[in-house]
ModelCIF file with pLDDT and N, C-alpha, C, O atoms, coordinates in Angstrom:
data_MODEL
#
_entry.id   MODEL 
#
_entity.id                         1 
_entity.type                       polymer 
_entity.pdbx_number_of_molecules   1 
#
_entity_poly.entity_id                      1 
_entity_poly.type                           'polypeptide(L)' 
_entity_poly.nstd_linkage                   no 
_entity_poly.nstd_monomer                   no 
_entity_poly.pdbx_seq_one_letter_code       
;(UNK)(UNK)(UNK)(UNK)(UNK)(UNK)(UNK)(UNK)(UNK)(UNK)(UNK)(UNK)(UNK)(UNK)(UNK)(UNK)
(UNK)(UNK)(UNK)(UNK)(UNK)(UNK)(UNK)(UNK)(UNK)(UNK)(UNK)(UNK)(UNK)(UNK)(UNK)
;
_entity_poly.pdbx_seq_one_letter_code_can   XXXXXXXXXXXXXXXXXXXXXXXXXXXXXXX 
_entity_poly.pdbx_strand_id                 A 
#
loop_
_entity_poly_seq.entity_id 
_entity_poly_seq.num 
_entity_poly_seq.mon_id 
_entity_poly_seq.hetero 
1 1  UNK n 
1 2  UNK n 
1 3  UNK n 
1 4  UNK n 
1 5  UNK n 
1 6  UNK n 
1 7  UNK n 
1 8  UNK n 
1 9  UNK n 
1 10 UNK n 
1 11 UNK n 
1 12 UNK n 
1 13 UNK n 
1 14 UNK n 
1 15 UNK n 
1 16 UNK n 
1 17 UNK n 
1 18 UNK n 
1 19 UNK n 
1 20 UNK n 
1 21 UNK n 
1 22 UNK n 
1 23 UNK n 
1 24 UNK n 
1 25 UNK n 
1 26 UNK n 
1 27 UNK n 
1 28 UNK n 
1 29 UNK n 
1 30 UNK n 
1 31 UNK n 
#
_struct_asym.id          A 
_struct_asym.entity_id   1 
#
loop_
_ma_qa_metric.id 
_ma_qa_metric.mode 
_ma_qa_metric.name 
_ma_qa_metric.software_group_id 
_ma_qa_metric.type 
1 global pLDDT . pLDDT 
2 local  pLDDT . pLDDT 
#
_ma_qa_metric_global.metric_id      1 
_ma_qa_metric_global.metric_value   90.35 
_ma_qa_metric_global.model_id       1 
_ma_qa_metric_global.ordinal_id     1 
#
loop_
_ma_qa_metric_local.label_asym_id 
_ma_qa_metric_local.label_comp_id 
_ma_qa_metric_local.label_seq_id 
_ma_qa_metric_local.metric_id 
_ma_qa_metric_local.metric_value 
_ma_qa_metric_local.model_id 
_ma_qa_metric_local.ordinal_id 
A UNK 1  2 96.00 1 1  
A UNK 2  2 96.00 1 2  
A UNK 3  2 95.00 1 3  
A UNK 4  2 92.00 1 4  
A UNK 5  2 91.00 1 5  
A UNK 6  2 87.00 1 6  
A UNK 7  2 82.00 1 7  
A UNK 8  2 80.00 1 8  
A UNK 9  2 79.00 1 9  
A UNK 10 2 81.00 1 10 
A UNK 11 2 83.00 1 11 
A UNK 12 2 89.00 1 12 
A UNK 13 2 90.00 1 13 
A UNK 14 2 93.00 1 14 
A UNK 15 2 94.00 1 15 
A UNK 16 2 94.00 1 16 
A UNK 17 2 95.00 1 17 
A UNK 18 2 96.00 1 18 
A UNK 19 2 95.00 1 19 
A UNK 20 2 95.00 1 20 
A UNK 21 2 96.00 1 21 
A UNK 22 2 95.00 1 22 
A UNK 23 2 93.00 1 23 
A UNK 24 2 92.00 1 24 
A UNK 25 2 92.00 1 25 
A UNK 26 2 85.00 1 26 
A UNK 27 2 81.00 1 27 
A UNK 28 2 84.00 1 28 
A UNK 29 2 90.00 1 29 
A UNK 30 2 94.00 1 30 
A UNK 31 2 96.00 1 31 
#
loop_
_atom_site.group_PDB 
_atom_site.id 
_atom_site.type_symbol 
_atom_site.label_atom_id 
_atom_site.label_alt_id 
_atom_site.label_comp_id 
_atom_site.label_asym_id 
_atom_site.label_entity_id 
_atom_site.label_seq_id 
_atom_site.pdbx_PDB_ins_code 
_atom_site.Cartn_x 
_atom_site.Cartn_y 
_atom_site.Cartn_z 
_atom_site.occupancy 
_atom_site.B_iso_or_equiv 
_atom_site.pdbx_formal_charge 
_atom_site.auth_seq_id 
_atom_site.auth_comp_id 
_atom_site.auth_asym_id 
_atom_site.auth_atom_id 
_atom_site.pdbx_PDB_model_num 
ATOM 1   N N  . UNK A 1 1  ? 49.440 198.493 114.703 1.00 96.00 ? 1  UNK A N  1 
ATOM 2   C CA . UNK A 1 1  ? 49.220 197.066 114.503 1.00 96.00 ? 1  UNK A CA 1 
ATOM 3   C C  . UNK A 1 1  ? 50.268 196.469 113.569 1.00 96.00 ? 1  UNK A C  1 
ATOM 4   O O  . UNK A 1 1  ? 50.721 195.342 113.772 1.00 96.00 ? 1  UNK A O  1 
ATOM 5   N N  . UNK A 1 2  ? 50.648 197.231 112.547 1.00 96.00 ? 2  UNK A N  1 
ATOM 6   C CA . UNK A 1 2  ? 51.719 196.744 111.673 1.00 96.00 ? 2  UNK A CA 1 
ATOM 7   C C  . UNK A 1 2  ? 53.029 196.649 112.454 1.00 96.00 ? 2  UNK A C  1 
ATOM 8   O O  . UNK A 1 2  ? 53.815 195.726 112.243 1.00 96.00 ? 2  UNK A O  1 
ATOM 9   N N  . UNK A 1 3  ? 53.263 197.609 113.361 1.00 95.00 ? 3  UNK A N  1 
ATOM 10  C CA . UNK A 1 3  ? 54.456 197.566 114.203 1.00 95.00 ? 3  UNK A CA 1 
ATOM 11  C C  . UNK A 1 3  ? 54.509 196.264 114.993 1.00 95.00 ? 3  UNK A C  1 
ATOM 12  O O  . UNK A 1 3  ? 55.568 195.645 115.098 1.00 95.00 ? 3  UNK A O  1 
ATOM 13  N N  . UNK A 1 4  ? 53.386 195.849 115.542 1.00 92.00 ? 4  UNK A N  1 
ATOM 14  C CA . UNK A 1 4  ? 53.353 194.616 116.323 1.00 92.00 ? 4  UNK A CA 1 
ATOM 15  C C  . UNK A 1 4  ? 53.745 193.412 115.476 1.00 92.00 ? 4  UNK A C  1 
ATOM 16  O O  . UNK A 1 4  ? 54.447 192.518 115.949 1.00 92.00 ? 4  UNK A O  1 
ATOM 17  N N  . UNK A 1 5  ? 53.294 193.388 114.227 1.00 91.00 ? 5  UNK A N  1 
ATOM 18  C CA . UNK A 1 5  ? 53.668 192.294 113.334 1.00 91.00 ? 5  UNK A CA 1 
ATOM 19  C C  . UNK A 1 5  ? 55.155 192.341 113.009 1.00 91.00 ? 5  UNK A C  1 
ATOM 20  O O  . UNK A 1 5  ? 55.806 191.300 112.925 1.00 91.00 ? 5  UNK A O  1 
ATOM 21  N N  . UNK A 1 6  ? 55.698 193.547 112.825 1.00 87.00 ? 6  UNK A N  1 
ATOM 22  C CA . UNK A 1 6  ? 57.115 193.696 112.516 1.00 87.00 ? 6  UNK A CA 1 
ATOM 23  C C  . UNK A 1 6  ? 57.984 193.247 113.684 1.00 87.00 ? 6  UNK A C  1 
ATOM 24  O O  . UNK A 1 6  ? 58.992 192.566 113.494 1.00 87.00 ? 6  UNK A O  1 
ATOM 25  N N  . UNK A 1 7  ? 57.587 193.632 114.888 1.00 82.00 ? 7  UNK A N  1 
ATOM 26  C CA . UNK A 1 7  ? 58.359 193.252 116.072 1.00 82.00 ? 7  UNK A CA 1 
ATOM 27  C C  . UNK A 1 7  ? 58.383 191.742 116.229 1.00 82.00 ? 7  UNK A C  1 
ATOM 28  O O  . UNK A 1 7  ? 59.403 191.158 116.598 1.00 82.00 ? 7  UNK A O  1 
ATOM 29  N N  . UNK A 1 8  ? 57.225 191.105 115.939 1.00 80.00 ? 8  UNK A N  1 
ATOM 30  C CA . UNK A 1 8  ? 57.169 189.645 116.038 1.00 80.00 ? 8  UNK A CA 1 
ATOM 31  C C  . UNK A 1 8  ? 58.080 188.978 115.026 1.00 80.00 ? 8  UNK A C  1 
ATOM 32  O O  . UNK A 1 8  ? 58.530 187.853 115.247 1.00 80.00 ? 8  UNK A O  1 
ATOM 33  N N  . UNK A 1 9  ? 58.361 189.657 113.913 1.00 79.00 ? 9  UNK A N  1 
ATOM 34  C CA . UNK A 1 9  ? 59.222 189.096 112.877 1.00 79.00 ? 9  UNK A CA 1 
ATOM 35  C C  . UNK A 1 9  ? 60.697 189.255 113.191 1.00 79.00 ? 9  UNK A C  1 
ATOM 36  O O  . UNK A 1 9  ? 61.545 188.715 112.480 1.00 79.00 ? 9  UNK A O  1 
ATOM 37  N N  . UNK A 1 10 ? 61.018 190.002 114.263 1.00 81.00 ? 10 UNK A N  1 
ATOM 38  C CA . UNK A 1 10 ? 62.412 190.161 114.665 1.00 81.00 ? 10 UNK A CA 1 
ATOM 39  C C  . UNK A 1 10 ? 62.855 191.603 114.618 1.00 81.00 ? 10 UNK A C  1 
ATOM 40  O O  . UNK A 1 10 ? 62.301 192.386 113.846 1.00 81.00 ? 10 UNK A O  1 
ATOM 41  N N  . UNK A 1 11 ? 63.848 191.988 115.431 1.00 83.00 ? 11 UNK A N  1 
ATOM 42  C CA . UNK A 1 11 ? 64.265 193.396 115.528 1.00 83.00 ? 11 UNK A CA 1 
ATOM 43  C C  . UNK A 1 11 ? 64.870 193.970 114.255 1.00 83.00 ? 11 UNK A C  1 
ATOM 44  O O  . UNK A 1 11 ? 64.855 195.186 114.061 1.00 83.00 ? 11 UNK A O  1 
ATOM 45  N N  . UNK A 1 12 ? 65.398 193.125 113.392 1.00 89.00 ? 12 UNK A N  1 
ATOM 46  C CA . UNK A 1 12 ? 66.037 193.607 112.168 1.00 89.00 ? 12 UNK A CA 1 
ATOM 47  C C  . UNK A 1 12 ? 65.134 193.494 110.939 1.00 89.00 ? 12 UNK A C  1 
ATOM 48  O O  . UNK A 1 12 ? 65.536 193.854 109.833 1.00 89.00 ? 12 UNK A O  1 
ATOM 49  N N  . UNK A 1 13 ? 63.904 192.989 111.139 1.00 90.00 ? 13 UNK A N  1 
ATOM 50  C CA . UNK A 1 13 ? 63.024 192.747 109.996 1.00 90.00 ? 13 UNK A CA 1 
ATOM 51  C C  . UNK A 1 13 ? 62.685 194.030 109.258 1.00 90.00 ? 13 UNK A C  1 
ATOM 52  O O  . UNK A 1 13 ? 62.690 194.052 108.027 1.00 90.00 ? 13 UNK A O  1 
ATOM 53  N N  . UNK A 1 14 ? 62.389 195.103 109.989 1.00 93.00 ? 14 UNK A N  1 
ATOM 54  C CA . UNK A 1 14 ? 62.024 196.366 109.359 1.00 93.00 ? 14 UNK A CA 1 
ATOM 55  C C  . UNK A 1 14 ? 63.151 196.973 108.558 1.00 93.00 ? 14 UNK A C  1 
ATOM 56  O O  . UNK A 1 14 ? 62.985 197.206 107.361 1.00 93.00 ? 14 UNK A O  1 
ATOM 57  N N  . UNK A 1 15 ? 64.311 197.244 109.179 1.00 94.00 ? 15 UNK A N  1 
ATOM 58  C CA . UNK A 1 15 ? 65.423 197.822 108.412 1.00 94.00 ? 15 UNK A CA 1 
ATOM 59  C C  . UNK A 1 15 ? 65.849 196.965 107.225 1.00 94.00 ? 15 UNK A C  1 
ATOM 60  O O  . UNK A 1 15 ? 66.186 197.497 106.166 1.00 94.00 ? 15 UNK A O  1 
ATOM 61  N N  . UNK A 1 16 ? 65.838 195.649 107.391 1.00 94.00 ? 16 UNK A N  1 
ATOM 62  C CA . UNK A 1 16 ? 66.223 194.765 106.292 1.00 94.00 ? 16 UNK A CA 1 
ATOM 63  C C  . UNK A 1 16 ? 65.262 194.881 105.125 1.00 94.00 ? 16 UNK A C  1 
ATOM 64  O O  . UNK A 1 16 ? 65.670 194.825 103.965 1.00 94.00 ? 16 UNK A O  1 
ATOM 65  N N  . UNK A 1 17 ? 63.969 195.045 105.438 1.00 95.00 ? 17 UNK A N  1 
ATOM 66  C CA . UNK A 1 17 ? 62.941 195.100 104.394 1.00 95.00 ? 17 UNK A CA 1 
ATOM 67  C C  . UNK A 1 17 ? 63.104 196.309 103.491 1.00 95.00 ? 17 UNK A C  1 
ATOM 68  O O  . UNK A 1 17 ? 62.723 196.260 102.321 1.00 95.00 ? 17 UNK A O  1 
ATOM 69  N N  . UNK A 1 18 ? 63.663 197.391 104.011 1.00 96.00 ? 18 UNK A N  1 
ATOM 70  C CA . UNK A 1 18 ? 63.820 198.620 103.224 1.00 96.00 ? 18 UNK A CA 1 
ATOM 71  C C  . UNK A 1 18 ? 64.637 198.354 101.967 1.00 96.00 ? 18 UNK A C  1 
ATOM 72  O O  . UNK A 1 18 ? 64.363 198.930 100.914 1.00 96.00 ? 18 UNK A O  1 
ATOM 73  N N  . UNK A 1 19 ? 65.641 197.485 102.070 1.00 95.00 ? 19 UNK A N  1 
ATOM 74  C CA . UNK A 1 19 ? 66.546 197.233 100.951 1.00 95.00 ? 19 UNK A CA 1 
ATOM 75  C C  . UNK A 1 19 ? 66.271 195.901 100.258 1.00 95.00 ? 19 UNK A C  1 
ATOM 76  O O  . UNK A 1 19 ? 67.003 195.513 99.347  1.00 95.00 ? 19 UNK A O  1 
ATOM 77  N N  . UNK A 1 20 ? 65.228 195.205 100.680 1.00 95.00 ? 20 UNK A N  1 
ATOM 78  C CA . UNK A 1 20 ? 64.883 193.918 100.074 1.00 95.00 ? 20 UNK A CA 1 
ATOM 79  C C  . UNK A 1 20 ? 63.860 194.129 98.964  1.00 95.00 ? 20 UNK A C  1 
ATOM 80  O O  . UNK A 1 20 ? 62.799 194.697 99.221  1.00 95.00 ? 20 UNK A O  1 
ATOM 81  N N  . UNK A 1 21 ? 64.146 193.686 97.725  1.00 96.00 ? 21 UNK A N  1 
ATOM 82  C CA . UNK A 1 21 ? 63.149 193.804 96.651  1.00 96.00 ? 21 UNK A CA 1 
ATOM 83  C C  . UNK A 1 21 ? 61.869 193.073 97.012  1.00 96.00 ? 21 UNK A C  1 
ATOM 84  O O  . UNK A 1 21 ? 61.897 192.069 97.723  1.00 96.00 ? 21 UNK A O  1 
ATOM 85  N N  . UNK A 1 22 ? 60.757 193.575 96.524  1.00 95.00 ? 22 UNK A N  1 
ATOM 86  C CA . UNK A 1 22 ? 59.475 193.003 96.922  1.00 95.00 ? 22 UNK A CA 1 
ATOM 87  C C  . UNK A 1 22 ? 59.197 191.641 96.300  1.00 95.00 ? 22 UNK A C  1 
ATOM 88  O O  . UNK A 1 22 ? 58.304 190.928 96.757  1.00 95.00 ? 22 UNK A O  1 
ATOM 89  N N  . UNK A 1 23 ? 59.958 191.260 95.250  1.00 93.00 ? 23 UNK A N  1 
ATOM 90  C CA . UNK A 1 23 ? 59.707 189.943 94.673  1.00 93.00 ? 23 UNK A CA 1 
ATOM 91  C C  . UNK A 1 23 ? 60.959 189.206 94.218  1.00 93.00 ? 23 UNK A C  1 
ATOM 92  O O  . UNK A 1 23 ? 60.934 187.979 94.122  1.00 93.00 ? 23 UNK A O  1 
ATOM 93  N N  . UNK A 1 24 ? 62.040 189.902 93.939  1.00 92.00 ? 24 UNK A N  1 
ATOM 94  C CA . UNK A 1 24 ? 63.244 189.248 93.418  1.00 92.00 ? 24 UNK A CA 1 
ATOM 95  C C  . UNK A 1 24 ? 64.165 188.831 94.552  1.00 92.00 ? 24 UNK A C  1 
ATOM 96  O O  . UNK A 1 24 ? 64.377 189.583 95.503  1.00 92.00 ? 24 UNK A O  1 
ATOM 97  N N  . UNK A 1 25 ? 64.710 187.620 94.442  1.00 92.00 ? 25 UNK A N  1 
ATOM 98  C CA . UNK A 1 25 ? 65.681 187.128 95.413  1.00 92.00 ? 25 UNK A CA 1 
ATOM 99  C C  . UNK A 1 25 ? 67.111 187.216 94.879  1.00 92.00 ? 25 UNK A C  1 
ATOM 100 O O  . UNK A 1 25 ? 68.067 186.896 95.585  1.00 92.00 ? 25 UNK A O  1 
ATOM 101 N N  . UNK A 1 26 ? 67.246 187.650 93.633  1.00 85.00 ? 26 UNK A N  1 
ATOM 102 C CA . UNK A 1 26 ? 68.555 187.668 92.997  1.00 85.00 ? 26 UNK A CA 1 
ATOM 103 C C  . UNK A 1 26 ? 68.913 186.296 92.450  1.00 85.00 ? 26 UNK A C  1 
ATOM 104 O O  . UNK A 1 26 ? 68.228 185.311 92.724  1.00 85.00 ? 26 UNK A O  1 
ATOM 105 N N  . UNK A 1 27 ? 69.990 186.237 91.675  1.00 81.00 ? 27 UNK A N  1 
ATOM 106 C CA . UNK A 1 27 ? 70.437 184.972 91.082  1.00 81.00 ? 27 UNK A CA 1 
ATOM 107 C C  . UNK A 1 27 ? 69.329 184.297 90.271  1.00 81.00 ? 27 UNK A C  1 
ATOM 108 O O  . UNK A 1 27 ? 69.287 183.070 90.170  1.00 81.00 ? 27 UNK A O  1 
ATOM 109 N N  . UNK A 1 28 ? 68.433 185.102 89.695  1.00 84.00 ? 28 UNK A N  1 
ATOM 110 C CA . UNK A 1 28 ? 67.375 184.544 88.872  1.00 84.00 ? 28 UNK A CA 1 
ATOM 111 C C  . UNK A 1 28 ? 66.236 183.925 89.653  1.00 84.00 ? 28 UNK A C  1 
ATOM 112 O O  . UNK A 1 28 ? 65.351 183.309 89.060  1.00 84.00 ? 28 UNK A O  1 
ATOM 113 N N  . UNK A 1 29 ? 66.232 184.070 90.961  1.00 90.00 ? 29 UNK A N  1 
ATOM 114 C CA . UNK A 1 29 ? 65.172 183.491 91.786  1.00 90.00 ? 29 UNK A CA 1 
ATOM 115 C C  . UNK A 1 29 ? 64.157 184.578 92.155  1.00 90.00 ? 29 UNK A C  1 
ATOM 116 O O  . UNK A 1 29 ? 64.501 185.748 92.327  1.00 90.00 ? 29 UNK A O  1 
ATOM 117 N N  . UNK A 1 30 ? 62.888 184.148 92.271  1.00 94.00 ? 30 UNK A N  1 
ATOM 118 C CA . UNK A 1 30 ? 61.800 185.090 92.519  1.00 94.00 ? 30 UNK A CA 1 
ATOM 119 C C  . UNK A 1 30 ? 60.863 184.546 93.590  1.00 94.00 ? 30 UNK A C  1 
ATOM 120 O O  . UNK A 1 30 ? 60.799 183.338 93.816  1.00 94.00 ? 30 UNK A O  1 
ATOM 121 N N  . UNK A 1 31 ? 60.142 185.443 94.241  1.00 96.00 ? 31 UNK A N  1 
ATOM 122 C CA . UNK A 1 31 ? 59.147 185.051 95.230  1.00 96.00 ? 31 UNK A CA 1 
ATOM 123 C C  . UNK A 1 31 ? 59.723 184.962 96.624  1.00 96.00 ? 31 UNK A C  1 
ATOM 124 O O  . UNK A 1 31 ? 59.004 184.642 97.570  1.00 96.00 ? 31 UNK A O  1 
#
């Protein structure tokens, strides 16, 4: 079921998420 949500978010959503911080956007931005 999580796979289905990931696929709906786009083919690169999963691999990109591996290296994306869970809350920091960088440059002092958060969320």
